[in-house]
Every structure is written in C-alpha cells, then in structure tokens.
Amino acid sequence: MTFEKGDQVYYCYGNRSNRYLLINYGFCFADNRYESVEISLKLDVDTTDPFIPEMCYLGSSFQDDTLLKCRLKKDQLNENVLAYFRATLNQNFFKTEAVHALTGRDVTLTRPKNLYYERFVFKFYQALIEFLTSVESNKTSLE
C-alpha cells in the first residue's frame, strides 16, 4: 500500500489490554473490551479441602513450575482455568456415596462430560471471579 504526501494514515494497535497499551504506547482506554487480568493458580494445592484464596498466587511474578499462569477476560471463559478446576476438584467432588451414585466416576478432566460435576466446577470459577473482584476493590480502596 502506498501513501501520498498529506494522506491520513491509520494505525491499528490490535486487540490489546490497557496494560499492554500503557506499557508500549503510553495510553489506555476506559472500558477497554480487551482488558484482562493475569493470575497464577497453584498446581501443588491441597485438594482435600479446596479454598479459592489458597489456590491463587497473587505475589510478584517469577518462573515457577508449580504455578499455572492464566489470563482472564471479562467476556469469555478461560479453558485452562476450567481444566484446572476439573482436575483439582475431582477428589473433593466424589467424596460422598450420594454423588457417586448420581454421577459415577466417569469424568473427563479436560472437557465437560458430567452435568453435576460441571456445576460444581463453575461454582468454583464464579468463586474465583468474586475473590479476584474483592481483591481488586480492596487494592483500590487502599490507594
């Protein structure tokens, strides 16, 4: 594509989060639809009594094989987070005989297969979002 002198040129920054735009270009958008939050989930978490704040690592970032980095966007589900919950919550969900009688133990860890277990997984996904929202609002109120 060629441009003549005096032509207006448009530049597309792409589908970028405010963090990326601010670091690389020095500006950001209010209500950026591509905004996301990066979190790390602990892979060595105790699954006998899962607790969302203990599953998340909110410290400064560093390379660690016991952390799963995930990027959450406000308009879509993160498949890695769902797979993480399906894998880590498996033992906890099948503790009772009643649940075992309803569902059997045939659960695929990477994709939905059992409606009861999937509801259980999504309750934890919702709890994660609520936890991160409360952490963010606490950070904002402290500033």
Protein backbone atom coordinates (compact mmCIF):
# COMPACT_ATOMS: atom_id res chain seq x y z
CA MET A 1 0.00 0.00 0.00
CA THR A 2 1.36 3.41 -0.91
CA PHE A 3 0.55 6.77 0.62
CA GLU A 4 0.68 10.20 -0.88
CA LYS A 5 2.09 13.17 0.98
CA GLY A 6 -0.62 14.61 3.24
CA ASP A 7 -2.73 11.39 3.31
CA GLN A 8 -4.17 10.44 6.68
CA VAL A 9 -2.70 7.16 7.91
CA TYR A 10 -4.46 4.90 10.42
CA TYR A 11 -2.66 2.54 12.75
CA CYS A 12 -4.42 -0.39 14.41
CA TYR A 13 -2.98 -1.33 17.79
CA GLY A 14 -4.79 -4.67 17.75
CA ASN A 15 -6.87 -6.33 20.45
CA ARG A 16 -4.72 -5.17 23.36
CA SER A 17 -5.27 -4.85 27.08
CA ASN A 18 -4.81 -1.49 28.80
CA ARG A 19 -1.66 -2.79 30.46
CA TYR A 20 -0.11 -3.58 27.08
CA LEU A 21 -1.21 -0.25 25.57
CA LEU A 22 0.10 1.73 28.54
CA ILE A 23 3.48 -0.01 28.63
CA ASN A 24 4.06 0.07 24.86
CA TYR A 25 2.25 3.21 23.69
CA GLY A 26 1.66 5.34 26.79
CA PHE A 27 -2.14 5.44 26.77
CA CYS A 28 -5.14 3.27 27.66
CA PHE A 29 -8.92 3.22 27.09
CA ALA A 30 -11.75 3.49 29.60
CA ASP A 31 -13.90 0.32 29.38
CA ASN A 32 -11.42 -1.44 27.12
CA ARG A 33 -13.24 -4.53 25.83
CA TYR A 34 -9.91 -6.39 25.57
CA GLU A 35 -8.95 -5.83 29.20
CA SER A 36 -7.75 -8.93 31.01
CA VAL A 37 -6.22 -9.99 34.30
CA GLU A 38 -3.31 -12.39 34.61
CA ILE A 39 -3.38 -14.74 37.58
CA SER A 40 -1.38 -17.74 38.67
CA LEU A 41 -3.01 -20.87 40.04
CA LYS A 42 -1.06 -23.19 42.32
CA LEU A 43 -0.58 -26.67 40.91
CA ASP A 44 0.51 -28.10 44.27
CA VAL A 45 -2.65 -27.07 46.12
CA ASP A 46 -4.30 -29.29 48.76
CA THR A 47 -7.38 -30.77 47.04
CA THR A 48 -8.93 -32.35 50.13
CA ASP A 49 -10.44 -29.03 51.20
CA PRO A 50 -10.18 -26.60 48.25
CA PHE A 51 -10.25 -22.90 49.13
CA ILE A 52 -10.02 -20.27 46.37
CA PRO A 53 -7.62 -17.83 48.14
CA GLU A 54 -5.19 -20.71 48.70
CA MET A 55 -5.43 -21.78 45.05
CA CYS A 56 -4.32 -18.37 43.75
CA TYR A 57 -0.83 -16.96 43.83
CA LEU A 58 -1.01 -13.16 43.96
CA GLY A 59 2.66 -12.44 44.66
CA SER A 60 5.16 -10.87 42.29
CA SER A 61 5.64 -12.89 39.15
CA PHE A 62 8.55 -15.24 38.76
CA GLN A 63 9.14 -18.51 36.91
CA ASP A 64 7.84 -21.45 38.94
CA ASP A 65 6.82 -24.92 37.77
CA THR A 66 4.14 -25.13 40.48
CA LEU A 67 2.14 -22.21 39.02
CA LEU A 68 -0.26 -22.16 36.08
CA LYS A 69 -0.45 -18.68 34.54
CA CYS A 70 -3.88 -17.79 33.19
CA ARG A 71 -5.34 -14.69 31.58
CA LEU A 72 -8.96 -13.94 32.44
CA LYS A 73 -11.05 -11.76 30.14
CA LYS A 74 -14.38 -10.30 31.10
CA ASP A 75 -16.28 -11.60 28.07
CA GLN A 76 -15.06 -15.20 27.80
CA LEU A 77 -14.32 -18.29 29.87
CA ASN A 78 -10.76 -19.48 30.23
CA GLU A 79 -10.46 -23.15 29.24
CA ASN A 80 -7.23 -23.60 31.23
CA VAL A 81 -8.91 -22.43 34.44
CA LEU A 82 -11.84 -24.79 33.84
CA ALA A 83 -9.47 -27.71 33.17
CA TYR A 84 -7.53 -26.79 36.33
CA PHE A 85 -10.71 -26.88 38.43
CA ARG A 86 -11.87 -30.13 36.81
CA ALA A 87 -8.54 -31.72 37.71
CA THR A 88 -8.06 -30.33 41.22
CA LEU A 89 -11.66 -30.60 42.45
CA ASN A 90 -12.13 -34.18 41.28
CA GLN A 91 -11.30 -35.84 44.62
CA ASN A 92 -13.38 -33.38 46.62
CA PHE A 93 -16.49 -33.81 44.48
CA PHE A 94 -16.60 -37.61 44.63
CA LYS A 95 -16.28 -37.92 48.41
CA THR A 96 -19.89 -38.87 49.13
CA GLU A 97 -21.69 -42.03 48.09
CA ALA A 98 -24.74 -39.99 47.03
CA VAL A 99 -22.72 -38.03 44.49
CA HIS A 100 -21.06 -41.22 43.28
CA ALA A 101 -24.46 -42.87 42.83
CA LEU A 102 -25.74 -39.87 40.83
CA THR A 103 -22.73 -39.34 38.64
CA GLY A 104 -20.48 -42.35 38.57
CA ARG A 105 -16.76 -41.62 38.39
CA ASP A 106 -16.62 -41.15 34.65
CA VAL A 107 -15.38 -37.56 34.45
CA THR A 108 -13.18 -36.21 31.70
CA LEU A 109 -10.78 -33.70 33.19
CA THR A 110 -10.28 -31.51 30.13
CA ARG A 111 -13.83 -31.08 28.87
CA PRO A 112 -17.36 -31.18 30.27
CA LYS A 113 -18.97 -34.59 30.46
CA ASN A 114 -20.96 -34.72 33.68
CA LEU A 115 -23.55 -32.03 34.39
CA TYR A 116 -23.38 -32.35 38.20
CA TYR A 117 -19.62 -32.09 38.22
CA GLU A 118 -19.66 -29.21 35.72
CA ARG A 119 -21.99 -27.23 38.00
CA PHE A 120 -19.55 -27.88 40.84
CA VAL A 121 -16.64 -26.65 38.68
CA PHE A 122 -18.49 -23.50 37.62
CA LYS A 123 -19.29 -22.63 41.24
CA PHE A 124 -15.54 -22.55 41.86
CA TYR A 125 -14.99 -20.49 38.69
CA GLN A 126 -17.56 -17.99 39.97
CA ALA A 127 -15.89 -18.00 43.41
CA LEU A 128 -12.55 -17.24 41.73
CA ILE A 129 -14.03 -14.23 39.89
CA GLU A 130 -15.67 -12.97 43.11
CA PHE A 131 -12.39 -13.40 45.02
CA LEU A 132 -10.38 -11.51 42.38
CA THR A 133 -13.01 -8.75 42.30
CA SER A 134 -12.82 -8.37 46.09
CA VAL A 135 -9.00 -8.29 45.99
CA GLU A 136 -9.11 -5.61 43.27
CA SER A 137 -11.68 -3.49 45.14
CA ASN A 138 -9.60 -3.77 48.35
CA LYS A 139 -6.50 -2.63 46.45
CA THR A 140 -8.42 0.34 45.01
CA SER A 141 -9.83 1.38 48.40
CA LEU A 142 -6.35 1.28 49.96
CA GLU A 143 -4.90 3.65 47.34
